[in-house]
Amino acid sequence: MTFNLLGKVRIPMEVKELILQAEDIHKATELISSKLKKPVIIENKNFELISYSSTFDDFDQTQQKTILSKKCPIFIIDRLKKEGIVTRLEKQSDPIRIHPMEDLGFQQRVVIAAKHLGHTLGYVWVQESEQSLNAEDMEFLGEITSHLGKLIYDQFMKENAKEGRKEELLWQLLHHEYASESQFRHDASLAQLKIPDRFSLVVFSVTAPQYKSMLDDLENTVNRFRTNRHLYYLKTEFQLILFIEGRESDRFSSRDIARDLIDVVKVETGEEDFYHFLIGVGKEYTKIYYMRKSFLEALEVIETANFISPRPETMPREFSKLGLYRYLAALYEKNSSEDYYSEDLLTLINNDTTKQTDLLFTLEAYLANNGKGKQTANELFIHPNTLNYRIKQIQELTNIDFSDFNMKAYLYTELLLLNNVDSYYQRYKAALQK
């Protein structure tokens, strides 16, 4: 270890020089991780995954989701924006330490913006876990990030070129790299890329890395399905992104075609393996400008399913039908940060725990079926009289008014969290001990 004239610790030249000479973002990521002995993730300016270290696999829950879905979860991005982290990254060049968000599975880490030619092109995340980075490590990050910004730019250009001109144009469209639709149409015409009159984006994402080989079979299914159809797709390590073209004068036809494809995939994959896919369907649009919007909508469905994993069968795959599920992460964060509980639901949990009843799950099913007794009883595989008895118990134990729509909507949202997010249920259970 050496010191400069100002007394600052200097980074060993051999390590830093290797990184500054690296022409590949993935090699640079591994070198950084090896130097810091920490898991490292690099994202672009849209918080989409570019590279991650394979040497250290001790990623926290949030980073695992980022690696699988190729994008930082929306509720994490929202928290970073709310706390001013994103704004600070734009304004300063020094690393920023972010403290743990245990309720979101987010361990302590350091982040620094990677800039090139004065523009932020991405972010470098270093998970600290038990031991924090020291001053030398922080200085090291500051000295290499401008080169990383250039590598991010070069990586984007290289990957697009490899996929061919059509794929390049589609990637650029998804990343809003085009200033005008007319310019895109001109370039698409030269590349003989047919522009759909109406379309929806569909994303298939595997639920865990060990299932990524299933994407090869999915690709074969898609190629058979797209016979006589204009259907493009892009493939990443853990996802298949499909551009579904609808019929020109047939509104919502791209959505219907997407549904048909999903049914075909389910049959060919098999009932059990099919659920190793998380599937999101963006809304249908008729303007090319909204292609990225449809893509982000499909990703939001997947991120929501990831948040409440395992995905309940009742959860829609289409963004336009996502409804209350869109707000679960935000409600989770708000209620957790404010230590909020529903007294009525606490009462039901206590009753279920002490008397081995099943009132909480019954209430969710009853509300999901809009208070229809026969339909709810069939879903729960119980006699209608048994259901009536349980509903009567709920009314006697709580202040729930089944004629109050606002109360029912609120309770149903809270129940989605309680019955599908284990940490939220455990928080309620802990509240019973207070």
Protein backbone atom coordinates (compact mmCIF):
# COMPACT_ATOMS: atom_id res chain seq x y z
CA MET A 1 0.00 0.00 0.00
CA THR A 2 1.35 3.43 -0.93
CA PHE A 3 0.41 7.05 -0.18
CA ASN A 4 0.37 10.14 -2.39
CA LEU A 5 1.73 13.55 -1.36
CA LEU A 6 -1.57 14.50 0.27
CA GLY A 7 -1.47 11.43 2.45
CA LYS A 8 -4.35 9.64 0.66
CA VAL A 9 -4.21 5.92 0.16
CA ARG A 10 -3.45 5.02 -3.46
CA ILE A 11 -5.15 2.04 -5.09
CA PRO A 12 -2.69 -0.69 -6.22
CA MET A 13 -2.03 0.13 -9.87
CA GLU A 14 -2.16 -3.46 -11.11
CA VAL A 15 -5.82 -3.92 -10.08
CA LYS A 16 -7.05 -0.54 -11.21
CA GLU A 17 -5.12 -0.70 -14.48
CA LEU A 18 -6.65 -4.07 -15.35
CA ILE A 19 -10.11 -2.56 -14.95
CA LEU A 20 -9.24 0.62 -16.86
CA GLN A 21 -7.84 -1.50 -19.69
CA ALA A 22 -10.84 -3.86 -19.76
CA GLU A 23 -12.95 -3.64 -22.91
CA ASP A 24 -15.73 -5.87 -21.61
CA ILE A 25 -18.22 -4.76 -18.93
CA HIS A 26 -18.59 -8.31 -17.58
CA LYS A 27 -14.82 -8.71 -17.10
CA ALA A 28 -14.70 -5.33 -15.36
CA THR A 29 -17.55 -6.39 -13.06
CA GLU A 30 -15.71 -9.54 -12.02
CA LEU A 31 -12.51 -7.57 -11.39
CA ILE A 32 -14.35 -5.05 -9.20
CA SER A 33 -16.03 -7.84 -7.25
CA SER A 34 -12.71 -9.66 -6.81
CA LYS A 35 -11.00 -6.47 -5.62
CA LEU A 36 -13.73 -5.53 -3.13
CA LYS A 37 -14.65 -9.13 -2.24
CA LYS A 38 -18.31 -8.17 -2.53
CA PRO A 39 -21.23 -8.99 -4.86
CA VAL A 40 -21.49 -6.35 -7.61
CA ILE A 41 -24.35 -5.44 -9.95
CA ILE A 42 -24.23 -2.91 -12.79
CA GLU A 43 -27.47 -1.43 -14.14
CA ASN A 44 -28.20 1.07 -16.90
CA LYS A 45 -29.88 4.44 -16.36
CA ASN A 46 -33.31 2.73 -16.41
CA PHE A 47 -32.25 0.39 -13.57
CA GLU A 48 -32.12 -2.54 -16.00
CA LEU A 49 -29.48 -5.20 -15.39
CA ILE A 50 -26.31 -5.06 -17.49
CA SER A 51 -23.87 -7.25 -15.57
CA TYR A 52 -23.40 -8.99 -12.23
CA SER A 53 -20.50 -10.79 -10.58
CA SER A 54 -20.66 -14.56 -10.78
CA THR A 55 -17.75 -15.15 -8.36
CA PHE A 56 -19.76 -13.93 -5.37
CA ASP A 57 -23.31 -15.31 -5.37
CA ASP A 58 -24.38 -14.11 -1.91
CA PHE A 59 -26.89 -11.64 -3.33
CA ASP A 60 -29.70 -10.37 -1.14
CA GLN A 61 -33.37 -10.84 -1.99
CA THR A 62 -33.65 -7.59 -3.96
CA GLN A 63 -30.56 -8.28 -6.07
CA GLN A 64 -31.74 -11.83 -6.80
CA LYS A 65 -34.98 -10.40 -8.17
CA THR A 66 -33.00 -7.89 -10.23
CA ILE A 67 -30.91 -10.70 -11.74
CA LEU A 68 -33.95 -12.85 -12.53
CA SER A 69 -36.20 -10.14 -13.96
CA LYS A 70 -33.30 -8.16 -15.49
CA LYS A 71 -34.59 -5.00 -13.80
CA CYS A 72 -34.57 -3.51 -10.30
CA PRO A 73 -38.03 -3.99 -8.69
CA ILE A 74 -40.29 -0.96 -9.07
CA PHE A 75 -40.96 -0.64 -5.31
CA ILE A 76 -37.20 -0.35 -4.70
CA ILE A 77 -36.84 2.34 -7.38
CA ASP A 78 -39.78 4.22 -5.85
CA ARG A 79 -38.14 4.10 -2.40
CA LEU A 80 -34.81 5.34 -3.83
CA LYS A 81 -36.58 8.23 -5.54
CA LYS A 82 -38.60 9.03 -2.43
CA GLU A 83 -35.46 9.23 -0.28
CA GLY A 84 -33.68 11.41 -2.83
CA ILE A 85 -31.02 8.83 -3.72
CA VAL A 86 -31.65 9.05 -7.48
CA THR A 87 -31.38 12.85 -7.40
CA ARG A 88 -28.12 12.64 -5.44
CA LEU A 89 -26.69 10.18 -7.95
CA GLU A 90 -27.34 12.65 -10.75
CA LYS A 91 -25.68 15.53 -8.92
CA GLN A 92 -22.64 13.96 -7.29
CA SER A 93 -19.81 11.75 -8.46
CA ASP A 94 -18.91 10.20 -5.09
CA PRO A 95 -20.25 6.82 -3.89
CA ILE A 96 -23.40 6.87 -1.75
CA ARG A 97 -24.02 4.41 1.08
CA ILE A 98 -27.62 3.22 1.39
CA HIS A 99 -28.67 1.68 4.68
CA PRO A 100 -30.62 -1.60 4.87
CA MET A 101 -34.34 -1.80 4.08
CA GLU A 102 -34.99 -5.08 5.82
CA ASP A 103 -38.71 -5.10 5.05
CA LEU A 104 -37.84 -5.10 1.32
CA GLY A 105 -35.01 -7.64 1.47
CA PHE A 106 -32.51 -4.86 0.71
CA GLN A 107 -29.15 -5.15 2.50
CA GLN A 108 -26.76 -2.25 3.02
CA ARG A 109 -24.88 -1.28 -0.13
CA VAL A 110 -22.90 1.41 -1.86
CA VAL A 111 -23.94 2.86 -5.22
CA ILE A 112 -22.17 5.22 -7.61
CA ALA A 113 -23.30 6.67 -10.93
CA ALA A 114 -21.33 5.59 -14.02
CA LYS A 115 -21.10 8.58 -16.35
CA HIS A 116 -19.79 9.05 -19.89
CA LEU A 117 -19.40 12.41 -21.65
CA GLY A 118 -21.25 14.10 -18.80
CA HIS A 119 -24.30 11.82 -18.92
CA THR A 120 -25.34 9.19 -16.39
CA LEU A 121 -25.43 5.87 -18.24
CA GLY A 122 -25.84 3.51 -15.31
CA TYR A 123 -25.19 2.61 -11.69
CA VAL A 124 -22.67 0.36 -9.93
CA TRP A 125 -24.05 -1.39 -6.84
CA VAL A 126 -21.80 -3.04 -4.23
CA GLN A 127 -23.56 -5.10 -1.57
CA GLU A 128 -21.74 -4.58 1.73
CA SER A 129 -23.40 -7.27 3.89
CA GLU A 130 -21.54 -7.57 7.20
CA GLN A 131 -18.39 -5.53 6.45
CA SER A 132 -18.57 -1.99 5.02
CA LEU A 133 -16.29 -0.63 2.31
CA ASN A 134 -13.43 1.50 3.64
CA ALA A 135 -12.15 4.86 2.39
CA GLU A 136 -9.72 3.17 0.00
CA ASP A 137 -12.54 1.15 -1.56
CA MET A 138 -14.68 4.25 -1.96
CA GLU A 139 -11.84 6.11 -3.66
CA PHE A 140 -11.28 3.11 -5.93
CA LEU A 141 -14.91 3.19 -7.09
CA GLY A 142 -14.69 6.89 -7.82
CA GLU A 143 -11.61 6.41 -9.99
CA ILE A 144 -13.01 3.66 -12.23
CA THR A 145 -16.61 4.71 -12.82
CA SER A 146 -15.95 6.99 -15.81
CA HIS A 147 -14.43 4.00 -17.62
CA LEU A 148 -17.44 1.89 -16.62
CA GLY A 149 -19.73 4.53 -18.13
CA LYS A 150 -17.90 4.14 -21.45
CA LEU A 151 -18.08 0.34 -21.20
CA ILE A 152 -21.85 0.51 -20.61
CA TYR A 153 -22.20 2.59 -23.75
CA ASP A 154 -19.95 0.25 -25.75
CA GLN A 155 -21.77 -2.84 -24.44
CA PHE A 156 -25.13 -1.48 -25.54
CA MET A 157 -23.84 -0.84 -29.05
CA LYS A 158 -22.05 -4.19 -29.37
CA GLU A 159 -24.98 -6.32 -28.19
CA ASN A 160 -27.37 -4.60 -30.56
CA ALA A 161 -25.01 -5.15 -33.49
CA LYS A 162 -24.74 -8.87 -32.73
CA GLU A 163 -28.50 -9.39 -32.78
CA GLY A 164 -28.82 -7.98 -36.29
CA ARG A 165 -30.37 -4.77 -37.53
CA LYS A 166 -33.99 -5.73 -36.80
CA GLU A 167 -33.22 -6.74 -33.25
CA GLU A 168 -31.13 -3.61 -32.82
CA LEU A 169 -34.03 -1.43 -33.87
CA LEU A 170 -36.39 -3.21 -31.50
CA TRP A 171 -33.98 -2.86 -28.57
CA GLN A 172 -33.54 0.82 -29.33
CA LEU A 173 -37.30 1.23 -29.46
CA LEU A 174 -37.69 -0.46 -26.08
CA HIS A 175 -35.07 1.87 -24.62
CA HIS A 176 -36.50 5.02 -26.24
CA GLU A 177 -33.34 5.64 -28.22
CA TYR A 178 -35.33 7.20 -31.10
CA ALA A 179 -36.17 10.88 -31.04
CA SER A 180 -39.00 10.55 -33.56
CA GLU A 181 -41.30 7.86 -34.92
CA SER A 182 -40.63 8.98 -38.50
CA GLN A 183 -36.89 8.30 -38.09
CA PHE A 184 -37.62 4.86 -36.69
CA ARG A 185 -39.99 4.04 -39.54
CA HIS A 186 -37.34 5.10 -42.03
CA ASP A 187 -34.69 2.86 -40.44
CA ALA A 188 -37.18 0.00 -40.07
CA SER A 189 -38.02 0.23 -43.77
CA LEU A 190 -34.33 -0.08 -44.69
CA ALA A 191 -34.04 -3.13 -42.42
CA GLN A 192 -37.29 -4.62 -43.78
CA LEU A 193 -38.79 -4.62 -40.32
CA LYS A 194 -42.59 -4.61 -40.60
CA ILE A 195 -44.22 -2.04 -38.34
CA PRO A 196 -47.44 -3.38 -36.74
CA ASP A 197 -50.63 -1.30 -36.80
CA ARG A 198 -51.54 -2.55 -33.33
CA PHE A 199 -49.47 -4.54 -30.87
CA SER A 200 -48.89 -5.78 -27.34
CA LEU A 201 -45.66 -6.76 -25.63
CA VAL A 202 -45.51 -10.09 -23.80
CA VAL A 203 -42.67 -11.13 -21.50
CA PHE A 204 -41.95 -14.67 -20.30
CA SER A 205 -39.52 -14.75 -17.35
CA VAL A 206 -38.32 -17.83 -15.48
CA THR A 207 -38.90 -17.94 -11.73
CA ALA A 208 -35.34 -19.10 -10.91
CA PRO A 209 -31.99 -19.42 -12.74
CA GLN A 210 -32.16 -23.22 -12.83
CA TYR A 211 -35.15 -23.02 -15.19
CA LYS A 212 -33.52 -20.82 -17.83
CA SER A 213 -33.05 -23.83 -20.17
CA MET A 214 -36.86 -23.85 -20.48
CA LEU A 215 -36.51 -20.70 -22.61
CA ASP A 216 -35.05 -22.84 -25.42
CA ASP A 217 -38.20 -24.98 -25.53
CA LEU A 218 -40.32 -21.83 -25.27
CA GLU A 219 -38.44 -20.36 -28.23
CA ASN A 220 -39.27 -23.47 -30.28
CA THR A 221 -42.94 -23.19 -29.30
CA VAL A 222 -43.01 -19.51 -30.28
CA ASN A 223 -41.40 -20.25 -33.66
CA ARG A 224 -44.09 -22.84 -34.40
CA PHE A 225 -46.84 -20.53 -33.18
CA ARG A 226 -45.74 -17.58 -35.30
CA THR A 227 -46.18 -19.41 -38.61
CA ASN A 228 -48.11 -17.02 -40.89
CA ARG A 229 -47.98 -14.37 -38.16
CA HIS A 230 -45.76 -11.29 -37.85
CA LEU A 231 -44.28 -11.96 -34.44
CA TYR A 232 -40.82 -10.82 -33.35
CA TYR A 233 -39.05 -11.75 -30.17
CA LEU A 234 -35.89 -10.87 -28.25
CA LYS A 235 -34.16 -13.30 -25.92
CA THR A 236 -32.14 -12.49 -22.80
CA GLU A 237 -30.60 -14.80 -20.23
CA PHE A 238 -33.81 -15.22 -18.23
CA GLN A 239 -36.53 -13.76 -20.47
CA LEU A 240 -38.23 -13.95 -23.84
CA ILE A 241 -39.73 -10.64 -25.00
CA LEU A 242 -42.41 -10.98 -27.67
CA PHE A 243 -43.86 -8.32 -29.96
CA ILE A 244 -47.39 -9.53 -30.72
CA GLU A 245 -48.96 -7.94 -33.80
CA GLY A 246 -52.74 -7.63 -33.81
CA ARG A 247 -55.10 -7.44 -36.77
CA GLU A 248 -55.30 -3.92 -38.18
CA SER A 249 -59.03 -3.27 -37.70
CA ASP A 250 -59.63 -5.73 -34.85
CA ARG A 251 -59.35 -3.97 -31.52
CA PHE A 252 -57.66 -6.00 -28.76
CA SER A 253 -56.68 -8.69 -31.26
CA SER A 254 -53.04 -8.63 -30.12
CA ARG A 255 -54.25 -9.35 -26.59
CA ASP A 256 -56.34 -12.28 -27.87
CA ILE A 257 -53.36 -13.66 -29.80
CA ALA A 258 -51.23 -13.34 -26.65
CA ARG A 259 -53.83 -15.35 -24.73
CA ASP A 260 -53.81 -18.05 -27.42
CA LEU A 261 -50.02 -18.24 -27.27
CA ILE A 262 -50.04 -18.57 -23.47
CA ASP A 263 -52.57 -21.42 -23.74
CA VAL A 264 -50.36 -23.18 -26.30
CA VAL A 265 -47.29 -22.76 -24.08
CA LYS A 266 -49.20 -24.16 -21.11
CA VAL A 267 -50.22 -27.27 -23.05
CA GLU A 268 -46.77 -27.89 -24.55
CA THR A 269 -44.87 -27.15 -21.33
CA GLY A 270 -47.11 -29.13 -19.04
CA GLU A 271 -49.14 -27.98 -16.04
CA GLU A 272 -46.34 -28.27 -13.47
CA ASP A 273 -43.45 -26.77 -15.48
CA PHE A 274 -45.66 -24.00 -16.87
CA TYR A 275 -45.66 -22.30 -13.48
CA HIS A 276 -41.90 -21.90 -13.63
CA PHE A 277 -42.72 -19.00 -15.95
CA LEU A 278 -43.87 -15.57 -14.82
CA ILE A 279 -45.81 -13.98 -17.68
CA GLY A 280 -46.74 -10.35 -18.24
CA VAL A 281 -48.90 -8.94 -21.04
CA GLY A 282 -48.74 -5.20 -21.74
CA LYS A 283 -51.70 -3.21 -23.01
CA GLU A 284 -52.46 -2.97 -26.73
CA TYR A 285 -51.33 0.19 -28.55
CA THR A 286 -51.42 1.52 -32.10
CA LYS A 287 -48.50 3.99 -31.95
CA ILE A 288 -44.89 2.84 -32.06
CA TYR A 289 -43.99 5.43 -29.43
CA TYR A 290 -45.86 3.34 -26.83
CA MET A 291 -43.99 0.10 -27.49
CA ARG A 292 -41.70 0.69 -24.51
CA LYS A 293 -44.76 1.51 -22.39
CA SER A 294 -46.34 -1.86 -23.23
CA PHE A 295 -43.00 -3.54 -22.42
CA LEU A 296 -42.75 -1.83 -19.01
CA GLU A 297 -46.37 -2.79 -18.27
CA ALA A 298 -45.56 -6.44 -18.96
CA LEU A 299 -42.54 -6.17 -16.66
CA GLU A 300 -44.67 -4.61 -13.92
CA VAL A 301 -46.97 -7.65 -13.98
CA ILE A 302 -43.91 -9.90 -13.57
CA GLU A 303 -42.46 -7.77 -10.79
CA THR A 304 -45.78 -7.82 -8.96
CA ALA A 305 -45.98 -11.61 -9.28
CA ASN A 306 -42.39 -11.79 -8.01
CA PHE A 307 -43.29 -9.61 -5.04
CA ILE A 308 -46.10 -11.90 -3.87
CA SER A 309 -44.37 -15.11 -4.99
CA PRO A 310 -45.65 -17.72 -5.42
CA ARG A 311 -48.10 -16.10 -7.81
CA PRO A 312 -51.70 -16.86 -6.80
CA GLU A 313 -53.78 -18.40 -9.56
CA THR A 314 -56.25 -15.52 -9.27
CA MET A 315 -53.62 -12.91 -10.20
CA PRO A 316 -54.10 -11.63 -13.78
CA ARG A 317 -51.27 -11.84 -16.32
CA GLU A 318 -52.54 -8.83 -18.25
CA PHE A 319 -51.58 -5.35 -17.08
CA SER A 320 -55.01 -3.99 -17.99
CA LYS A 321 -56.56 -6.42 -15.48
CA LEU A 322 -53.95 -6.09 -12.74
CA GLY A 323 -56.22 -3.86 -10.67
CA LEU A 324 -55.46 -3.80 -6.95
CA TYR A 325 -52.39 -5.99 -7.41
CA ARG A 326 -50.58 -2.91 -8.83
CA TYR A 327 -50.66 -1.23 -5.42
CA LEU A 328 -49.66 -4.11 -3.16
CA ALA A 329 -45.96 -3.18 -2.98
CA ALA A 330 -46.78 0.46 -2.22
CA LEU A 331 -49.33 -0.54 0.43
CA TYR A 332 -46.85 -2.98 1.92
CA GLU A 333 -44.22 -0.26 2.23
CA LYS A 334 -46.62 2.34 3.64
CA ASN A 335 -48.23 0.07 6.22
CA SER A 336 -44.90 -1.45 7.27
CA SER A 337 -43.19 1.94 7.67
CA GLU A 338 -46.13 3.27 9.71
CA ASP A 339 -46.52 0.01 11.70
CA TYR A 340 -50.19 -0.06 10.69
CA TYR A 341 -52.56 -2.97 11.35
CA SER A 342 -56.23 -3.66 10.82
CA GLU A 343 -57.75 -4.48 14.18
CA ASP A 344 -60.46 -6.56 12.52
CA LEU A 345 -57.93 -8.72 10.69
CA LEU A 346 -55.77 -9.02 13.82
CA THR A 347 -58.83 -10.39 15.60
CA LEU A 348 -59.40 -12.98 12.86
CA ILE A 349 -55.74 -14.03 12.88
CA ASN A 350 -55.88 -14.48 16.64
CA ASN A 351 -59.02 -16.57 16.33
CA ASP A 352 -57.51 -18.70 13.54
CA THR A 353 -54.37 -19.26 15.64
CA THR A 354 -56.01 -20.08 18.96
CA LYS A 355 -59.07 -21.98 17.73
CA GLN A 356 -57.70 -23.50 14.49
CA THR A 357 -60.34 -21.80 12.35
CA ASP A 358 -59.86 -20.59 8.76
CA LEU A 359 -61.68 -17.27 8.86
CA LEU A 360 -58.98 -15.11 7.26
CA PHE A 361 -58.72 -17.19 4.09
CA THR A 362 -62.50 -17.55 3.99
CA LEU A 363 -62.93 -13.78 4.12
CA GLU A 364 -60.53 -13.26 1.20
CA ALA A 365 -62.35 -15.84 -0.94
CA TYR A 366 -65.74 -14.36 -0.04
CA LEU A 367 -64.64 -10.85 -1.00
CA ALA A 368 -62.90 -12.06 -4.17
CA ASN A 369 -66.17 -13.66 -5.27
CA ASN A 370 -68.11 -10.46 -4.51
CA GLY A 371 -70.05 -12.03 -1.67
CA LYS A 372 -71.50 -14.85 -3.79
CA GLY A 373 -72.03 -17.69 -1.34
CA LYS A 374 -72.35 -20.66 -3.70
CA GLN A 375 -69.35 -19.62 -5.78
CA THR A 376 -67.23 -19.06 -2.66
CA ALA A 377 -68.26 -22.38 -1.12
CA ASN A 378 -67.36 -24.25 -4.32
CA GLU A 379 -63.94 -22.57 -4.43
CA LEU A 380 -63.25 -23.48 -0.78
CA PHE A 381 -64.68 -27.01 -1.21
CA ILE A 382 -67.06 -26.52 1.72
CA HIS A 383 -70.84 -26.75 2.15
CA PRO A 384 -72.77 -23.45 1.78
CA ASN A 385 -73.99 -23.84 5.36
CA THR A 386 -70.39 -24.06 6.56
CA LEU A 387 -69.61 -20.85 4.68
CA ASN A 388 -72.62 -19.10 6.21
CA TYR A 389 -71.47 -20.16 9.67
CA ARG A 390 -67.97 -18.77 9.06
CA ILE A 391 -69.32 -15.45 7.74
CA LYS A 392 -71.54 -15.18 10.82
CA GLN A 393 -68.48 -15.79 13.02
CA ILE A 394 -66.57 -13.04 11.19
CA GLN A 395 -69.42 -10.59 11.73
CA GLU A 396 -69.64 -11.43 15.42
CA LEU A 397 -65.90 -11.04 15.98
CA THR A 398 -65.33 -7.85 13.96
CA ASN A 399 -66.86 -4.56 12.85
CA ILE A 400 -66.77 -5.54 9.17
CA ASP A 401 -69.78 -4.23 7.25
CA PHE A 402 -70.29 -6.28 4.09
CA SER A 403 -72.57 -3.60 2.66
CA ASP A 404 -69.76 -1.03 2.74
CA PHE A 405 -67.94 -1.20 -0.63
CA ASN A 406 -65.02 0.97 0.52
CA MET A 407 -64.39 -1.28 3.51
CA LYS A 408 -64.58 -4.41 1.37
CA ALA A 409 -62.12 -3.02 -1.19
CA TYR A 410 -59.65 -2.06 1.54
CA LEU A 411 -59.94 -5.39 3.36
CA TYR A 412 -59.48 -7.36 0.15
CA THR A 413 -56.26 -5.47 -0.66
CA GLU A 414 -54.94 -6.02 2.86
CA LEU A 415 -55.87 -9.72 2.66
CA LEU A 416 -53.97 -10.13 -0.60
CA LEU A 417 -50.86 -9.08 1.29
CA LEU A 418 -51.60 -11.16 4.36
CA ASN A 419 -52.31 -14.37 2.49
CA ASN A 420 -49.63 -14.01 -0.20
CA VAL A 421 -46.67 -12.21 1.43
CA ASP A 422 -45.37 -14.26 4.34
CA SER A 423 -43.36 -11.43 5.95
CA TYR A 424 -46.50 -9.28 6.09
CA TYR A 425 -48.46 -12.06 7.80
CA GLN A 426 -45.61 -12.61 10.28
CA ARG A 427 -45.68 -8.88 11.10
CA TYR A 428 -49.35 -9.23 12.04
CA LYS A 429 -48.59 -12.33 14.08
CA ALA A 430 -45.88 -10.44 15.96
CA ALA A 431 -48.36 -7.65 16.68
CA LEU A 432 -50.48 -10.13 18.62
CA GLN A 433 -47.64 -10.51 21.11
CA LYS A 434 -47.48 -6.77 21.86
